[in-house]
């Protein structure tokens, strides 16, 4: 899903609840540098949060069930994890990974 400059993509939300395999988790955007975003991932009742660093993906507009879904930024799919998304155990690790990856952009 590469970005096409002429398309106006709806941005990733800064705070949202997970769906599917991420159901029960709440995500909060901590930092964004270009197409890199660092999220805090927390689940009610868990002592420690996780941190996820992602390369923002781009989904073009499409129709499903007669409804148009607007072009939007999105998180990598589970199949893309490890290539475009990484889970880190601490915010310090997350910020260090963001800094290191920012120096390597574009991906």
N, C-alpha and C. Protein backbone atom coordinates (compact mmCIF):
# COMPACT_ATOMS: atom_id res chain seq x y z
N UNK A 1 0.84 -1.17 0.00
CA UNK A 1 0.00 0.00 0.00
C UNK A 1 0.88 1.24 0.00
N UNK A 2 1.26 1.68 -1.15
CA UNK A 2 2.12 2.85 -1.20
C UNK A 2 1.27 4.12 -1.27
N UNK A 3 1.85 5.18 -0.80
CA UNK A 3 1.15 6.46 -0.76
C UNK A 3 1.16 7.09 -2.14
N UNK A 4 0.01 7.59 -2.55
CA UNK A 4 -0.11 8.32 -3.79
C UNK A 4 -0.34 9.78 -3.44
N UNK A 5 0.61 10.67 -3.76
CA UNK A 5 0.57 12.06 -3.29
C UNK A 5 -0.70 12.83 -3.62
N UNK A 6 -1.37 12.51 -4.72
CA UNK A 6 -2.55 13.28 -5.11
C UNK A 6 -3.80 12.92 -4.30
N UNK A 7 -3.73 11.87 -3.49
CA UNK A 7 -4.87 11.44 -2.69
C UNK A 7 -4.78 12.05 -1.30
N UNK A 8 -5.92 12.55 -0.80
CA UNK A 8 -5.97 13.11 0.54
C UNK A 8 -6.38 12.00 1.51
N UNK A 9 -5.42 11.44 2.25
CA UNK A 9 -5.69 10.33 3.16
C UNK A 9 -6.13 10.85 4.53
N UNK A 10 -7.17 10.25 5.09
CA UNK A 10 -7.57 10.57 6.46
C UNK A 10 -6.44 10.09 7.38
N UNK A 11 -6.00 10.93 8.32
CA UNK A 11 -4.87 10.55 9.17
C UNK A 11 -5.22 9.47 10.19
N UNK A 12 -4.19 8.78 10.65
CA UNK A 12 -4.36 7.83 11.75
C UNK A 12 -4.95 8.56 12.94
N UNK A 13 -5.85 7.94 13.67
CA UNK A 13 -6.35 8.59 14.89
C UNK A 13 -5.24 8.63 15.94
N UNK A 14 -5.31 9.58 16.84
CA UNK A 14 -4.29 9.70 17.89
C UNK A 14 -4.62 8.82 19.09
N UNK A 15 -5.84 8.32 19.15
CA UNK A 15 -6.28 7.46 20.24
C UNK A 15 -7.41 6.58 19.72
N UNK A 16 -7.32 5.27 19.95
CA UNK A 16 -8.37 4.37 19.46
C UNK A 16 -8.32 3.04 20.20
N UNK A 17 -9.43 2.32 20.14
CA UNK A 17 -9.52 0.98 20.70
C UNK A 17 -9.25 -0.04 19.60
N UNK A 18 -8.50 -1.09 19.96
CA UNK A 18 -8.16 -2.12 19.00
C UNK A 18 -9.37 -2.95 18.58
N UNK A 19 -9.25 -3.58 17.41
CA UNK A 19 -10.28 -4.47 16.88
C UNK A 19 -9.62 -5.79 16.52
N UNK A 20 -10.43 -6.81 16.26
CA UNK A 20 -9.91 -8.11 15.86
C UNK A 20 -9.00 -8.68 16.93
N UNK A 21 -7.80 -9.06 16.55
CA UNK A 21 -6.82 -9.62 17.48
C UNK A 21 -6.32 -8.62 18.51
N UNK A 22 -6.59 -7.35 18.29
CA UNK A 22 -6.17 -6.29 19.21
C UNK A 22 -7.31 -5.82 20.11
N UNK A 23 -8.45 -6.51 20.05
CA UNK A 23 -9.63 -6.13 20.84
C UNK A 23 -9.27 -6.13 22.33
N UNK A 24 -9.71 -5.11 23.04
CA UNK A 24 -9.44 -4.99 24.46
C UNK A 24 -8.26 -4.09 24.76
N UNK A 25 -7.48 -3.75 23.73
CA UNK A 25 -6.34 -2.85 23.90
C UNK A 25 -6.73 -1.44 23.50
N UNK A 26 -6.14 -0.47 24.17
CA UNK A 26 -6.31 0.93 23.80
C UNK A 26 -4.96 1.45 23.32
N UNK A 27 -4.97 2.19 22.22
CA UNK A 27 -3.76 2.73 21.62
C UNK A 27 -3.76 4.25 21.73
N UNK A 28 -2.60 4.80 22.09
CA UNK A 28 -2.43 6.25 22.17
C UNK A 28 -1.15 6.63 21.43
N UNK A 29 -1.27 7.56 20.48
CA UNK A 29 -0.11 8.02 19.73
C UNK A 29 0.79 8.84 20.64
N UNK A 30 2.06 8.45 20.75
CA UNK A 30 3.02 9.19 21.56
C UNK A 30 3.88 10.13 20.73
N UNK A 31 4.21 9.70 19.50
CA UNK A 31 5.10 10.50 18.66
C UNK A 31 4.93 10.05 17.22
N UNK A 32 5.13 10.99 16.32
CA UNK A 32 5.10 10.67 14.89
C UNK A 32 6.15 11.49 14.18
N UNK A 33 6.94 10.80 13.38
CA UNK A 33 7.97 11.43 12.56
C UNK A 33 7.76 10.94 11.14
N UNK A 34 7.15 11.76 10.29
CA UNK A 34 6.86 11.34 8.92
C UNK A 34 5.93 10.14 8.92
N UNK A 35 6.36 9.05 8.29
CA UNK A 35 5.55 7.84 8.21
C UNK A 35 5.83 6.87 9.35
N UNK A 36 6.56 7.28 10.36
CA UNK A 36 6.81 6.45 11.54
C UNK A 36 5.97 6.96 12.70
N UNK A 37 5.30 6.04 13.38
CA UNK A 37 4.45 6.43 14.51
C UNK A 37 4.71 5.48 15.69
N UNK A 38 4.82 6.06 16.88
CA UNK A 38 5.01 5.28 18.10
C UNK A 38 3.72 5.35 18.92
N UNK A 39 3.16 4.17 19.21
CA UNK A 39 1.93 4.07 20.00
C UNK A 39 2.18 3.37 21.32
N UNK A 40 1.48 3.82 22.35
CA UNK A 40 1.41 3.10 23.62
C UNK A 40 0.20 2.19 23.51
N UNK A 41 0.37 0.92 23.86
CA UNK A 41 -0.70 -0.08 23.76
C UNK A 41 -0.98 -0.61 25.17
N UNK A 42 -2.18 -0.36 25.68
CA UNK A 42 -2.50 -0.71 27.06
C UNK A 42 -3.80 -1.51 27.11
N UNK A 43 -3.83 -2.46 28.02
CA UNK A 43 -5.05 -3.25 28.23
C UNK A 43 -5.46 -3.12 29.69
N UNK A 44 -6.74 -2.86 29.91
CA UNK A 44 -7.28 -2.74 31.26
C UNK A 44 -6.90 -3.98 32.07
N UNK A 45 -6.38 -3.77 33.27
CA UNK A 45 -6.01 -4.88 34.14
C UNK A 45 -4.58 -5.36 33.97
N UNK A 46 -3.90 -4.93 32.91
CA UNK A 46 -2.49 -5.27 32.73
C UNK A 46 -1.64 -4.23 33.44
N UNK A 47 -0.58 -4.68 34.09
CA UNK A 47 0.27 -3.76 34.84
C UNK A 47 1.07 -2.85 33.92
N UNK A 48 1.72 -3.42 32.92
CA UNK A 48 2.60 -2.64 32.06
C UNK A 48 2.07 -2.56 30.64
N UNK A 49 2.18 -1.38 30.03
CA UNK A 49 1.78 -1.25 28.62
C UNK A 49 2.89 -1.79 27.72
N UNK A 50 2.57 -1.95 26.45
CA UNK A 50 3.54 -2.24 25.41
C UNK A 50 3.63 -1.00 24.53
N UNK A 51 4.60 -0.99 23.65
CA UNK A 51 4.79 0.12 22.73
C UNK A 51 4.94 -0.46 21.33
N UNK A 52 4.31 0.17 20.37
CA UNK A 52 4.37 -0.31 19.00
C UNK A 52 4.86 0.80 18.09
N UNK A 53 5.92 0.49 17.36
CA UNK A 53 6.45 1.40 16.36
C UNK A 53 5.99 0.88 15.01
N UNK A 54 5.37 1.73 14.22
CA UNK A 54 4.83 1.30 12.92
C UNK A 54 5.26 2.25 11.81
N UNK A 55 5.37 1.68 10.62
CA UNK A 55 5.47 2.46 9.41
C UNK A 55 4.05 2.61 8.91
N UNK A 56 3.56 3.83 8.86
CA UNK A 56 2.18 4.10 8.46
C UNK A 56 1.95 3.56 7.05
N UNK A 57 0.85 2.85 6.87
CA UNK A 57 0.44 2.30 5.58
C UNK A 57 -0.68 3.16 5.02
N UNK A 58 -0.95 3.02 3.73
CA UNK A 58 -1.97 3.85 3.06
C UNK A 58 -2.96 2.95 2.34
N UNK A 59 -4.23 3.15 2.65
CA UNK A 59 -5.32 2.40 2.03
C UNK A 59 -6.10 3.35 1.14
N UNK A 60 -6.18 3.04 -0.13
CA UNK A 60 -6.96 3.88 -1.05
C UNK A 60 -8.45 3.68 -0.81
N UNK A 61 -9.24 4.62 -1.29
CA UNK A 61 -10.69 4.53 -1.18
C UNK A 61 -11.18 3.26 -1.86
N UNK A 62 -12.21 2.63 -1.25
CA UNK A 62 -12.80 1.44 -1.86
C UNK A 62 -14.26 1.35 -1.44
N UNK A 63 -15.00 0.48 -2.12
CA UNK A 63 -16.41 0.25 -1.80
C UNK A 63 -16.60 -1.15 -1.28
N UNK A 64 -17.45 -1.27 -0.27
CA UNK A 64 -17.80 -2.58 0.27
C UNK A 64 -19.26 -2.52 0.71
N UNK A 65 -20.03 -3.47 0.26
CA UNK A 65 -21.46 -3.51 0.61
C UNK A 65 -22.20 -2.25 0.25
N UNK A 66 -21.82 -1.62 -0.87
CA UNK A 66 -22.48 -0.40 -1.31
C UNK A 66 -22.06 0.84 -0.54
N UNK A 67 -21.08 0.70 0.34
CA UNK A 67 -20.61 1.83 1.15
C UNK A 67 -19.19 2.17 0.74
N UNK A 68 -18.90 3.45 0.59
CA UNK A 68 -17.56 3.90 0.24
C UNK A 68 -16.75 4.12 1.51
N UNK A 69 -15.57 3.52 1.55
CA UNK A 69 -14.64 3.72 2.66
C UNK A 69 -13.56 4.68 2.16
N UNK A 70 -13.39 5.80 2.84
CA UNK A 70 -12.48 6.83 2.37
C UNK A 70 -11.01 6.38 2.44
N UNK A 71 -10.19 6.99 1.62
CA UNK A 71 -8.75 6.74 1.65
C UNK A 71 -8.25 7.14 3.04
N UNK A 72 -7.39 6.29 3.60
CA UNK A 72 -6.95 6.58 4.97
C UNK A 72 -5.58 5.99 5.24
N UNK A 73 -4.96 6.55 6.26
CA UNK A 73 -3.74 5.95 6.80
C UNK A 73 -4.16 4.79 7.69
N UNK A 74 -3.31 3.77 7.78
CA UNK A 74 -3.65 2.63 8.62
C UNK A 74 -2.38 1.99 9.17
N UNK A 75 -2.59 1.10 10.14
CA UNK A 75 -1.48 0.36 10.71
C UNK A 75 -1.13 -0.82 9.80
N UNK A 76 0.08 -1.33 9.91
CA UNK A 76 0.43 -2.52 9.13
C UNK A 76 -0.45 -3.71 9.53
N UNK A 77 -0.67 -4.62 8.60
CA UNK A 77 -1.42 -5.84 8.89
C UNK A 77 -0.56 -6.78 9.73
N UNK A 78 -1.17 -7.79 10.31
CA UNK A 78 -0.40 -8.75 11.10
C UNK A 78 0.64 -9.46 10.23
N UNK A 79 0.35 -9.64 8.95
CA UNK A 79 1.30 -10.27 8.03
C UNK A 79 2.52 -9.38 7.78
N UNK A 80 2.37 -8.07 7.97
CA UNK A 80 3.46 -7.13 7.74
C UNK A 80 4.29 -6.88 9.01
N UNK A 81 3.83 -7.46 10.14
CA UNK A 81 4.52 -7.23 11.41
C UNK A 81 5.94 -7.81 11.34
N UNK A 82 6.89 -7.07 11.87
CA UNK A 82 8.29 -7.47 11.80
C UNK A 82 9.00 -6.80 10.64
N UNK A 83 8.22 -6.32 9.65
CA UNK A 83 8.77 -5.58 8.51
C UNK A 83 8.37 -4.11 8.61
N UNK A 84 7.08 -3.86 8.93
CA UNK A 84 6.55 -2.50 9.03
C UNK A 84 5.99 -2.19 10.41
N UNK A 85 6.16 -3.08 11.37
CA UNK A 85 5.67 -2.85 12.72
C UNK A 85 6.45 -3.69 13.72
N UNK A 86 6.72 -3.10 14.90
CA UNK A 86 7.51 -3.77 15.93
C UNK A 86 6.92 -3.49 17.30
N UNK A 87 6.92 -4.49 18.16
CA UNK A 87 6.45 -4.33 19.54
C UNK A 87 7.66 -4.20 20.44
N UNK A 88 7.61 -3.19 21.32
CA UNK A 88 8.70 -2.93 22.25
C UNK A 88 8.15 -2.94 23.67
N UNK A 89 9.01 -3.27 24.63
CA UNK A 89 8.54 -3.46 26.00
C UNK A 89 8.50 -2.19 26.84
N UNK A 90 9.31 -1.20 26.48
CA UNK A 90 9.33 0.04 27.26
C UNK A 90 9.23 1.25 26.33
N UNK A 91 8.81 2.36 26.91
CA UNK A 91 8.74 3.59 26.12
C UNK A 91 10.14 4.01 25.69
N UNK A 92 11.14 3.80 26.54
CA UNK A 92 12.52 4.14 26.20
C UNK A 92 12.97 3.36 24.97
N UNK A 93 12.67 2.05 24.93
CA UNK A 93 13.01 1.23 23.76
C UNK A 93 12.26 1.73 22.52
N UNK A 94 11.00 2.09 22.71
CA UNK A 94 10.19 2.58 21.60
C UNK A 94 10.74 3.87 21.02
N UNK A 95 11.10 4.79 21.88
CA UNK A 95 11.64 6.08 21.41
C UNK A 95 13.00 5.90 20.75
N UNK A 96 13.82 4.99 21.28
CA UNK A 96 15.13 4.71 20.67
C UNK A 96 14.94 4.09 19.28
N UNK A 97 13.98 3.18 19.15
CA UNK A 97 13.71 2.56 17.85
C UNK A 97 13.18 3.59 16.86
N UNK A 98 12.33 4.50 17.33
CA UNK A 98 11.81 5.57 16.48
C UNK A 98 12.96 6.44 15.98
N UNK A 99 13.86 6.82 16.88
CA UNK A 99 15.00 7.65 16.50
C UNK A 99 15.88 6.93 15.48
N UNK A 100 16.16 5.66 15.73
CA UNK A 100 17.01 4.88 14.82
C UNK A 100 16.35 4.74 13.45
N UNK A 101 15.06 4.44 13.42
CA UNK A 101 14.35 4.27 12.14
C UNK A 101 14.19 5.60 11.42
N UNK A 102 14.00 6.68 12.17
CA UNK A 102 13.85 8.00 11.54
C UNK A 102 15.11 8.32 10.75
N UNK A 103 16.26 7.96 11.29
CA UNK A 103 17.53 8.21 10.59
C UNK A 103 17.63 7.41 9.30
N UNK A 104 16.88 6.29 9.20
CA UNK A 104 16.94 5.42 8.03
C UNK A 104 15.87 5.74 6.99
N UNK A 105 14.90 6.62 7.30
CA UNK A 105 13.81 6.89 6.34
C UNK A 105 14.39 7.45 5.06
N UNK A 106 13.79 7.27 3.90
CA UNK A 106 12.54 6.54 3.69
C UNK A 106 12.77 5.05 3.64
N UNK A 107 11.72 4.28 4.04
CA UNK A 107 11.79 2.82 4.02
C UNK A 107 11.34 2.29 2.69
